[in-house]
């Protein structure tokens, strides 16, 4: 049974913090534990300011978020690993092949596409990316509940 979910992106400051917060908010009643990390994390950094603004529009606060580096212990502690793009799935598969079976893309139930990295992009890109994340989260919620 899936109870521990890990969301993975690159820096753990733009995409995965929003997906983590959305999943945590929407699964609060179900006893789920949700975390996030990055394959090349900006360890200790807060969520990107534009990400924080977009998240606030969903009623989410990322003020306490600090980026964490993905590692094998973290993967072992989670039943489901959701990646934001194929490069993250590939990274896990190369370095930690024993966790391939629990690793899936956030957009698996949509088009199995990638969620664009908005880092350094204009606000419109952040808005679009976070809409995509919300759609992916909604799809996973249907499978998890």
N, C-alpha and C. Protein backbone atom coordinates (compact mmCIF):
# COMPACT_ATOMS: atom_id res chain seq x y z
N UNK A 1 0.84 -1.19 0.00
CA UNK A 1 0.00 0.00 0.00
C UNK A 1 0.89 1.25 0.00
N UNK A 2 0.55 2.18 -0.83
CA UNK A 2 1.32 3.42 -0.94
C UNK A 2 0.91 4.39 0.16
N UNK A 3 1.89 4.79 0.96
CA UNK A 3 1.66 5.79 2.01
C UNK A 3 2.73 6.87 2.03
N UNK A 4 3.91 6.58 1.50
CA UNK A 4 5.02 7.53 1.50
C UNK A 4 5.36 7.89 0.06
N UNK A 5 5.23 9.18 -0.27
CA UNK A 5 5.41 9.66 -1.64
C UNK A 5 6.55 10.67 -1.67
N UNK A 6 7.43 10.51 -2.65
CA UNK A 6 8.54 11.43 -2.85
C UNK A 6 8.42 12.03 -4.24
N UNK A 7 8.51 13.36 -4.34
CA UNK A 7 8.45 14.06 -5.62
C UNK A 7 9.84 14.57 -5.95
N UNK A 8 10.29 14.33 -7.19
CA UNK A 8 11.66 14.64 -7.57
C UNK A 8 11.71 15.55 -8.79
N UNK A 9 12.49 16.62 -8.69
CA UNK A 9 12.83 17.44 -9.85
C UNK A 9 14.35 17.67 -9.83
N UNK A 10 14.81 18.72 -10.43
CA UNK A 10 16.26 18.94 -10.53
C UNK A 10 16.79 19.66 -9.28
N UNK A 11 16.41 20.92 -9.11
CA UNK A 11 16.96 21.72 -8.02
C UNK A 11 16.19 21.69 -6.73
N UNK A 12 14.95 21.14 -6.78
CA UNK A 12 14.06 21.08 -5.62
C UNK A 12 13.71 22.48 -5.12
N UNK A 13 13.57 23.43 -6.08
CA UNK A 13 13.16 24.78 -5.69
C UNK A 13 11.99 25.32 -6.52
N UNK A 14 11.64 24.65 -7.63
CA UNK A 14 10.55 25.15 -8.48
C UNK A 14 9.38 24.18 -8.60
N UNK A 15 9.63 23.02 -9.17
CA UNK A 15 8.54 22.11 -9.49
C UNK A 15 8.16 21.17 -8.35
N UNK A 16 9.11 20.44 -7.84
CA UNK A 16 8.77 19.43 -6.83
C UNK A 16 8.21 20.02 -5.53
N UNK A 17 8.63 21.21 -5.09
CA UNK A 17 8.01 21.75 -3.88
C UNK A 17 6.51 22.00 -4.03
N UNK A 18 6.09 22.44 -5.23
CA UNK A 18 4.66 22.69 -5.45
C UNK A 18 3.90 21.37 -5.49
N UNK A 19 4.44 20.39 -6.21
CA UNK A 19 3.78 19.08 -6.26
C UNK A 19 3.69 18.46 -4.86
N UNK A 20 4.77 18.58 -4.10
CA UNK A 20 4.77 18.07 -2.72
C UNK A 20 3.67 18.74 -1.90
N UNK A 21 3.61 20.06 -1.96
CA UNK A 21 2.64 20.79 -1.16
C UNK A 21 1.20 20.48 -1.59
N UNK A 22 0.97 20.37 -2.89
CA UNK A 22 -0.37 20.03 -3.38
C UNK A 22 -0.78 18.63 -2.92
N UNK A 23 0.12 17.67 -3.08
CA UNK A 23 -0.18 16.31 -2.62
C UNK A 23 -0.42 16.27 -1.12
N UNK A 24 0.42 16.94 -0.38
CA UNK A 24 0.28 16.96 1.08
C UNK A 24 -1.08 17.56 1.47
N UNK A 25 -1.44 18.67 0.83
CA UNK A 25 -2.71 19.33 1.14
C UNK A 25 -3.90 18.42 0.81
N UNK A 26 -3.85 17.79 -0.35
CA UNK A 26 -5.00 17.02 -0.83
C UNK A 26 -5.07 15.60 -0.26
N UNK A 27 -3.98 15.15 0.35
CA UNK A 27 -3.97 13.82 0.96
C UNK A 27 -3.89 13.90 2.48
N UNK A 28 -4.14 15.06 3.03
CA UNK A 28 -3.96 15.29 4.47
C UNK A 28 -4.75 14.31 5.33
N UNK A 29 -5.92 13.94 4.90
CA UNK A 29 -6.78 13.07 5.70
C UNK A 29 -6.41 11.60 5.60
N UNK A 30 -5.59 11.23 4.62
CA UNK A 30 -5.37 9.82 4.35
C UNK A 30 -4.17 9.17 5.00
N UNK A 31 -3.44 9.87 5.84
CA UNK A 31 -2.28 9.29 6.48
C UNK A 31 -1.07 9.16 5.57
N UNK A 32 -1.03 9.96 4.53
CA UNK A 32 0.10 9.95 3.61
C UNK A 32 1.22 10.85 4.12
N UNK A 33 2.45 10.47 3.79
CA UNK A 33 3.62 11.28 4.06
C UNK A 33 4.20 11.66 2.71
N UNK A 34 4.40 12.96 2.49
CA UNK A 34 4.88 13.45 1.20
C UNK A 34 6.12 14.30 1.42
N UNK A 35 7.13 14.09 0.57
CA UNK A 35 8.37 14.86 0.64
C UNK A 35 8.83 15.15 -0.79
N UNK A 36 9.88 15.96 -0.91
CA UNK A 36 10.45 16.23 -2.23
C UNK A 36 11.96 16.36 -2.12
N UNK A 37 12.62 16.21 -3.27
CA UNK A 37 14.08 16.31 -3.33
C UNK A 37 14.48 16.59 -4.77
N UNK A 38 15.76 16.87 -4.97
CA UNK A 38 16.26 17.16 -6.31
C UNK A 38 17.44 16.28 -6.68
N UNK A 39 17.59 16.02 -7.98
CA UNK A 39 18.72 15.24 -8.47
C UNK A 39 20.01 16.07 -8.47
N UNK A 40 19.86 17.38 -8.52
CA UNK A 40 21.00 18.31 -8.43
C UNK A 40 20.53 19.48 -7.57
N UNK A 41 20.13 19.16 -6.37
CA UNK A 41 19.47 20.13 -5.50
C UNK A 41 20.36 21.30 -5.13
N UNK A 42 19.73 22.43 -4.98
CA UNK A 42 20.37 23.63 -4.46
C UNK A 42 20.17 23.57 -2.95
N UNK A 43 20.89 22.66 -2.34
CA UNK A 43 20.67 22.26 -0.95
C UNK A 43 20.57 23.48 -0.02
N UNK A 44 19.48 23.48 0.74
CA UNK A 44 19.25 24.54 1.71
C UNK A 44 18.56 25.77 1.17
N UNK A 45 18.43 25.86 -0.16
CA UNK A 45 17.78 27.03 -0.74
C UNK A 45 16.27 26.97 -0.50
N UNK A 46 15.64 28.14 -0.35
CA UNK A 46 14.17 28.17 -0.29
C UNK A 46 13.59 27.97 -1.68
N UNK A 47 12.30 27.77 -1.74
CA UNK A 47 11.62 27.69 -3.03
C UNK A 47 11.80 29.01 -3.78
N UNK A 48 11.90 28.91 -5.09
CA UNK A 48 12.05 30.08 -5.95
C UNK A 48 10.93 31.09 -5.64
N UNK A 49 11.24 32.40 -5.62
CA UNK A 49 10.22 33.40 -5.30
C UNK A 49 8.98 33.34 -6.21
N UNK A 50 9.18 33.10 -7.51
CA UNK A 50 8.01 32.99 -8.39
C UNK A 50 7.20 31.74 -8.06
N UNK A 51 7.87 30.67 -7.71
CA UNK A 51 7.18 29.45 -7.30
C UNK A 51 6.36 29.72 -6.05
N UNK A 52 6.92 30.46 -5.12
CA UNK A 52 6.19 30.78 -3.89
C UNK A 52 4.94 31.60 -4.20
N UNK A 53 5.05 32.53 -5.15
CA UNK A 53 3.88 33.36 -5.51
C UNK A 53 2.79 32.51 -6.16
N UNK A 54 3.19 31.64 -7.07
CA UNK A 54 2.20 30.78 -7.74
C UNK A 54 1.56 29.83 -6.72
N UNK A 55 2.37 29.26 -5.84
CA UNK A 55 1.85 28.35 -4.82
C UNK A 55 0.83 29.06 -3.93
N UNK A 56 1.11 30.31 -3.60
CA UNK A 56 0.18 31.07 -2.76
C UNK A 56 -1.19 31.18 -3.44
N UNK A 57 -1.20 31.23 -4.77
CA UNK A 57 -2.45 31.25 -5.51
C UNK A 57 -3.27 29.98 -5.35
N UNK A 58 -2.61 28.89 -4.98
CA UNK A 58 -3.29 27.62 -4.69
C UNK A 58 -3.58 27.48 -3.19
N UNK A 59 -3.27 28.53 -2.44
CA UNK A 59 -3.47 28.47 -1.00
C UNK A 59 -2.38 27.71 -0.27
N UNK A 60 -1.20 27.64 -0.89
CA UNK A 60 -0.08 26.88 -0.31
C UNK A 60 1.03 27.83 0.12
N UNK A 61 1.64 27.53 1.24
CA UNK A 61 2.81 28.28 1.68
C UNK A 61 4.04 27.40 1.53
N UNK A 62 5.04 27.92 0.85
CA UNK A 62 6.32 27.22 0.71
C UNK A 62 7.42 27.92 1.51
N UNK A 63 7.03 28.76 2.45
CA UNK A 63 8.01 29.57 3.18
C UNK A 63 8.99 28.72 3.99
N UNK A 64 8.59 27.54 4.41
CA UNK A 64 9.46 26.67 5.21
C UNK A 64 10.28 25.70 4.35
N UNK A 65 10.00 25.64 3.07
CA UNK A 65 10.68 24.67 2.20
C UNK A 65 12.17 24.99 2.08
N UNK A 66 12.99 23.95 2.15
CA UNK A 66 14.42 24.04 1.88
C UNK A 66 14.79 22.86 1.00
N UNK A 67 15.55 23.13 -0.05
CA UNK A 67 15.91 22.11 -1.03
C UNK A 67 16.76 21.01 -0.40
N UNK A 68 16.48 19.77 -0.84
CA UNK A 68 17.22 18.59 -0.36
C UNK A 68 17.72 17.78 -1.54
N UNK A 69 18.88 17.18 -1.37
CA UNK A 69 19.47 16.33 -2.40
C UNK A 69 18.91 14.91 -2.29
N UNK A 70 18.52 14.36 -3.42
CA UNK A 70 18.01 13.00 -3.48
C UNK A 70 19.12 12.00 -3.23
N UNK A 71 18.84 10.99 -2.43
CA UNK A 71 19.81 9.94 -2.16
C UNK A 71 19.12 8.61 -1.96
N UNK A 72 19.89 7.53 -1.86
CA UNK A 72 19.31 6.20 -1.78
C UNK A 72 18.45 5.97 -0.53
N UNK A 73 18.83 6.52 0.60
CA UNK A 73 18.02 6.34 1.81
C UNK A 73 16.64 6.96 1.64
N UNK A 74 16.61 8.12 1.01
CA UNK A 74 15.34 8.80 0.77
C UNK A 74 14.46 7.95 -0.14
N UNK A 75 15.04 7.40 -1.20
CA UNK A 75 14.29 6.55 -2.11
C UNK A 75 13.76 5.31 -1.39
N UNK A 76 14.57 4.73 -0.54
CA UNK A 76 14.17 3.52 0.19
C UNK A 76 13.01 3.79 1.15
N UNK A 77 12.91 5.01 1.64
CA UNK A 77 11.88 5.37 2.61
C UNK A 77 10.52 5.68 1.98
N UNK A 78 10.42 5.65 0.65
CA UNK A 78 9.18 6.03 -0.03
C UNK A 78 8.67 4.91 -0.92
N UNK A 79 7.35 4.75 -0.93
CA UNK A 79 6.70 3.70 -1.72
C UNK A 79 6.51 4.11 -3.17
N UNK A 80 6.37 5.41 -3.40
CA UNK A 80 6.11 5.95 -4.73
C UNK A 80 7.01 7.16 -4.94
N UNK A 81 7.71 7.17 -6.07
CA UNK A 81 8.58 8.30 -6.42
C UNK A 81 8.02 8.89 -7.71
N UNK A 82 7.61 10.16 -7.65
CA UNK A 82 7.05 10.85 -8.81
C UNK A 82 8.09 11.83 -9.35
N UNK A 83 8.46 11.65 -10.60
CA UNK A 83 9.45 12.53 -11.22
C UNK A 83 8.76 13.53 -12.13
N UNK A 84 9.39 14.70 -12.27
CA UNK A 84 8.81 15.75 -13.08
C UNK A 84 9.20 15.65 -14.54
N UNK A 85 10.29 14.97 -14.85
CA UNK A 85 10.62 14.73 -16.26
C UNK A 85 11.46 13.46 -16.39
N UNK A 86 11.64 13.05 -17.63
CA UNK A 86 12.31 11.78 -17.90
C UNK A 86 13.74 11.76 -17.38
N UNK A 87 14.41 12.90 -17.39
CA UNK A 87 15.79 12.92 -16.91
C UNK A 87 15.89 12.50 -15.45
N UNK A 88 14.87 12.80 -14.66
CA UNK A 88 14.88 12.42 -13.24
C UNK A 88 14.66 10.91 -13.10
N UNK A 89 13.75 10.36 -13.90
CA UNK A 89 13.54 8.91 -13.89
C UNK A 89 14.82 8.19 -14.33
N UNK A 90 15.46 8.72 -15.37
CA UNK A 90 16.71 8.13 -15.86
C UNK A 90 17.81 8.20 -14.80
N UNK A 91 17.91 9.33 -14.11
CA UNK A 91 18.91 9.52 -13.06
C UNK A 91 18.74 8.46 -11.98
N UNK A 92 17.50 8.26 -11.55
CA UNK A 92 17.23 7.25 -10.52
C UNK A 92 17.56 5.86 -11.05
N UNK A 93 17.14 5.57 -12.28
CA UNK A 93 17.39 4.26 -12.87
C UNK A 93 18.86 3.92 -13.01
N UNK A 94 19.67 4.92 -13.35
CA UNK A 94 21.12 4.70 -13.50
C UNK A 94 21.81 4.52 -12.16
N UNK A 95 21.49 5.37 -11.21
CA UNK A 95 22.21 5.36 -9.93
C UNK A 95 21.63 4.38 -8.91
N UNK A 96 20.33 4.16 -9.00
CA UNK A 96 19.65 3.33 -8.00
C UNK A 96 18.62 2.44 -8.69
N UNK A 97 19.06 1.50 -9.52
CA UNK A 97 18.13 0.70 -10.33
C UNK A 97 17.12 -0.09 -9.50
N UNK A 98 17.43 -0.37 -8.26
CA UNK A 98 16.51 -1.12 -7.42
C UNK A 98 15.22 -0.36 -7.14
N UNK A 99 15.19 0.95 -7.44
CA UNK A 99 14.00 1.75 -7.19
C UNK A 99 13.22 2.09 -8.46
N UNK A 100 13.60 1.51 -9.58
CA UNK A 100 12.89 1.77 -10.85
C UNK A 100 11.40 1.43 -10.75
N UNK A 101 11.09 0.34 -10.10
CA UNK A 101 9.70 -0.12 -10.03
C UNK A 101 8.76 0.80 -9.30
N UNK A 102 9.27 1.63 -8.44
CA UNK A 102 8.42 2.56 -7.69
C UNK A 102 8.49 3.98 -8.25
N UNK A 103 9.21 4.15 -9.35
CA UNK A 103 9.43 5.48 -9.94
C UNK A 103 8.53 5.67 -11.16
N UNK A 104 7.75 6.76 -11.15
CA UNK A 104 6.83 7.07 -12.24
C UNK A 104 6.84 8.58 -12.48
N UNK A 105 6.48 8.97 -13.67
CA UNK A 105 6.40 10.40 -13.97
C UNK A 105 5.08 10.98 -13.44
N UNK A 106 5.13 12.22 -13.01
CA UNK A 106 3.93 12.88 -12.51
C UNK A 106 2.83 12.89 -13.56
N UNK A 107 3.20 13.05 -14.82
CA UNK A 107 2.20 13.11 -15.89
C UNK A 107 1.93 11.75 -16.53
N UNK A 108 2.21 10.67 -15.83
CA UNK A 108 2.00 9.32 -16.34
C UNK A 108 0.58 9.11 -16.84
N UNK A 109 -0.39 9.58 -16.12
CA UNK A 109 -1.80 9.33 -16.45
C UNK A 109 -2.34 10.35 -17.44
N UNK A 110 -1.55 11.29 -17.83
CA UNK A 110 -1.97 12.31 -18.79
C UNK A 110 -1.39 11.92 -20.15
N UNK A 111 -0.17 12.31 -20.40
CA UNK A 111 0.47 11.95 -21.68
C UNK A 111 1.88 11.39 -21.44
N UNK A 112 2.19 11.14 -20.17
CA UNK A 112 3.52 10.68 -19.75
C UNK A 112 4.61 11.66 -20.19
N UNK A 113 4.22 12.91 -20.37
CA UNK A 113 5.17 13.94 -20.79
C UNK A 113 5.99 14.48 -19.63
N UNK A 114 6.79 15.44 -19.96
CA UNK A 114 7.64 16.11 -18.98
C UNK A 114 7.01 17.42 -18.54
N UNK A 115 7.23 17.79 -17.30
CA UNK A 115 6.85 19.11 -16.81
C UNK A 115 8.07 20.00 -16.99
N UNK A 116 7.91 21.03 -17.79
CA UNK A 116 9.01 21.95 -18.11
C UNK A 116 9.61 22.57 -16.85
N UNK A 117 10.92 22.76 -16.85
CA UNK A 117 11.59 23.44 -15.74
C UNK A 117 11.45 24.94 -15.95
N UNK A 118 10.76 25.65 -15.04
CA UNK A 118 10.54 27.08 -15.23
C UNK A 118 11.67 27.96 -14.71
N UNK A 119 12.70 27.36 -14.11
CA UNK A 119 13.75 28.14 -13.48
C UNK A 119 14.33 29.17 -14.45
N UNK A 120 14.33 30.44 -14.03
CA UNK A 120 14.88 31.52 -14.84
C UNK A 120 13.96 32.01 -15.94
N UNK A 121 12.76 31.47 -16.01
CA UNK A 121 11.79 31.84 -17.05
C UNK A 121 10.83 32.92 -16.53
N UNK A 122 10.06 33.52 -17.43
CA UNK A 122 9.09 34.54 -16.99
C UNK A 122 7.91 33.92 -16.22
N UNK A 123 7.18 34.79 -15.57
CA UNK A 123 6.04 34.38 -14.74
C UNK A 123 5.05 33.50 -15.50
N UNK A 124 4.79 33.79 -16.76
CA UNK A 124 3.83 33.01 -17.54
C UNK A 124 4.23 31.53 -17.62
N UNK A 125 5.51 31.26 -17.69
CA UNK A 125 5.99 29.87 -17.73
C UNK A 125 5.72 29.21 -16.38
N UNK A 126 6.01 29.90 -15.29
CA UNK A 126 5.73 29.36 -13.96
C UNK A 126 4.24 29.04 -13.82
N UNK A 127 3.39 29.94 -14.29
CA UNK A 127 1.94 29.72 -14.20
C UNK A 127 1.54 28.46 -14.96
N UNK A 128 2.04 28.31 -16.18
CA UNK A 128 1.70 27.14 -17.01
C UNK A 128 2.23 25.85 -16.38
N UNK A 129 3.46 25.89 -15.91
CA UNK A 129 4.08 24.71 -15.30
C UNK A 129 3.29 24.28 -14.07
N UNK A 130 2.90 25.22 -13.26
CA UNK A 130 2.19 24.84 -12.05
C UNK A 130 0.77 24.38 -12.33
N UNK A 131 0.17 24.83 -13.42
CA UNK A 131 -1.12 24.25 -13.86
C UNK A 131 -0.92 22.79 -14.27
N UNK A 132 0.17 22.53 -15.00
CA UNK A 132 0.48 21.15 -15.40
C UNK A 132 0.70 20.26 -14.17
N UNK A 133 1.40 20.79 -13.19
CA UNK A 133 1.64 20.03 -11.96
C UNK A 133 0.32 19.72 -11.26
N UNK A 134 -0.56 20.71 -11.17
CA UNK A 134 -1.86 20.49 -10.52
C UNK A 134 -2.66 19.41 -11.25
N UNK A 135 -2.61 19.40 -12.58
CA UNK A 135 -3.31 18.36 -13.35
C UNK A 135 -2.72 16.98 -13.06
N UNK A 136 -1.39 16.90 -13.03
CA UNK A 136 -0.74 15.63 -12.73
C UNK A 136 -1.07 15.14 -11.33
N UNK A 137 -1.07 16.05 -10.37
CA UNK A 137 -1.42 15.69 -9.00
C UNK A 137 -2.85 15.17 -8.95
N UNK A 138 -3.77 15.86 -9.62
CA UNK A 138 -5.17 15.41 -9.64
C UNK A 138 -5.29 14.00 -10.21
N UNK A 139 -4.55 13.71 -11.27
CA UNK A 139 -4.58 12.37 -11.86
C UNK A 139 -4.09 11.32 -10.86
N UNK A 140 -3.01 11.60 -10.15
CA UNK A 140 -2.48 10.65 -9.17
C UNK A 140 -3.44 10.48 -8.00
N UNK A 141 -4.11 11.56 -7.60
CA UNK A 141 -5.06 11.45 -6.48
C UNK A 141 -6.15 10.43 -6.78
N UNK A 142 -6.60 10.38 -8.03
CA UNK A 142 -7.63 9.40 -8.42
C UNK A 142 -7.11 7.98 -8.24
N UNK A 143 -5.84 7.78 -8.43
CA UNK A 143 -5.25 6.44 -8.30
C UNK A 143 -4.93 6.09 -6.84
N UNK A 144 -4.63 7.09 -6.04
CA UNK A 144 -4.19 6.86 -4.66
C UNK A 144 -5.32 6.73 -3.65
N UNK A 145 -6.45 7.31 -3.98
CA UNK A 145 -7.57 7.30 -3.00
C UNK A 145 -8.45 6.08 -3.18
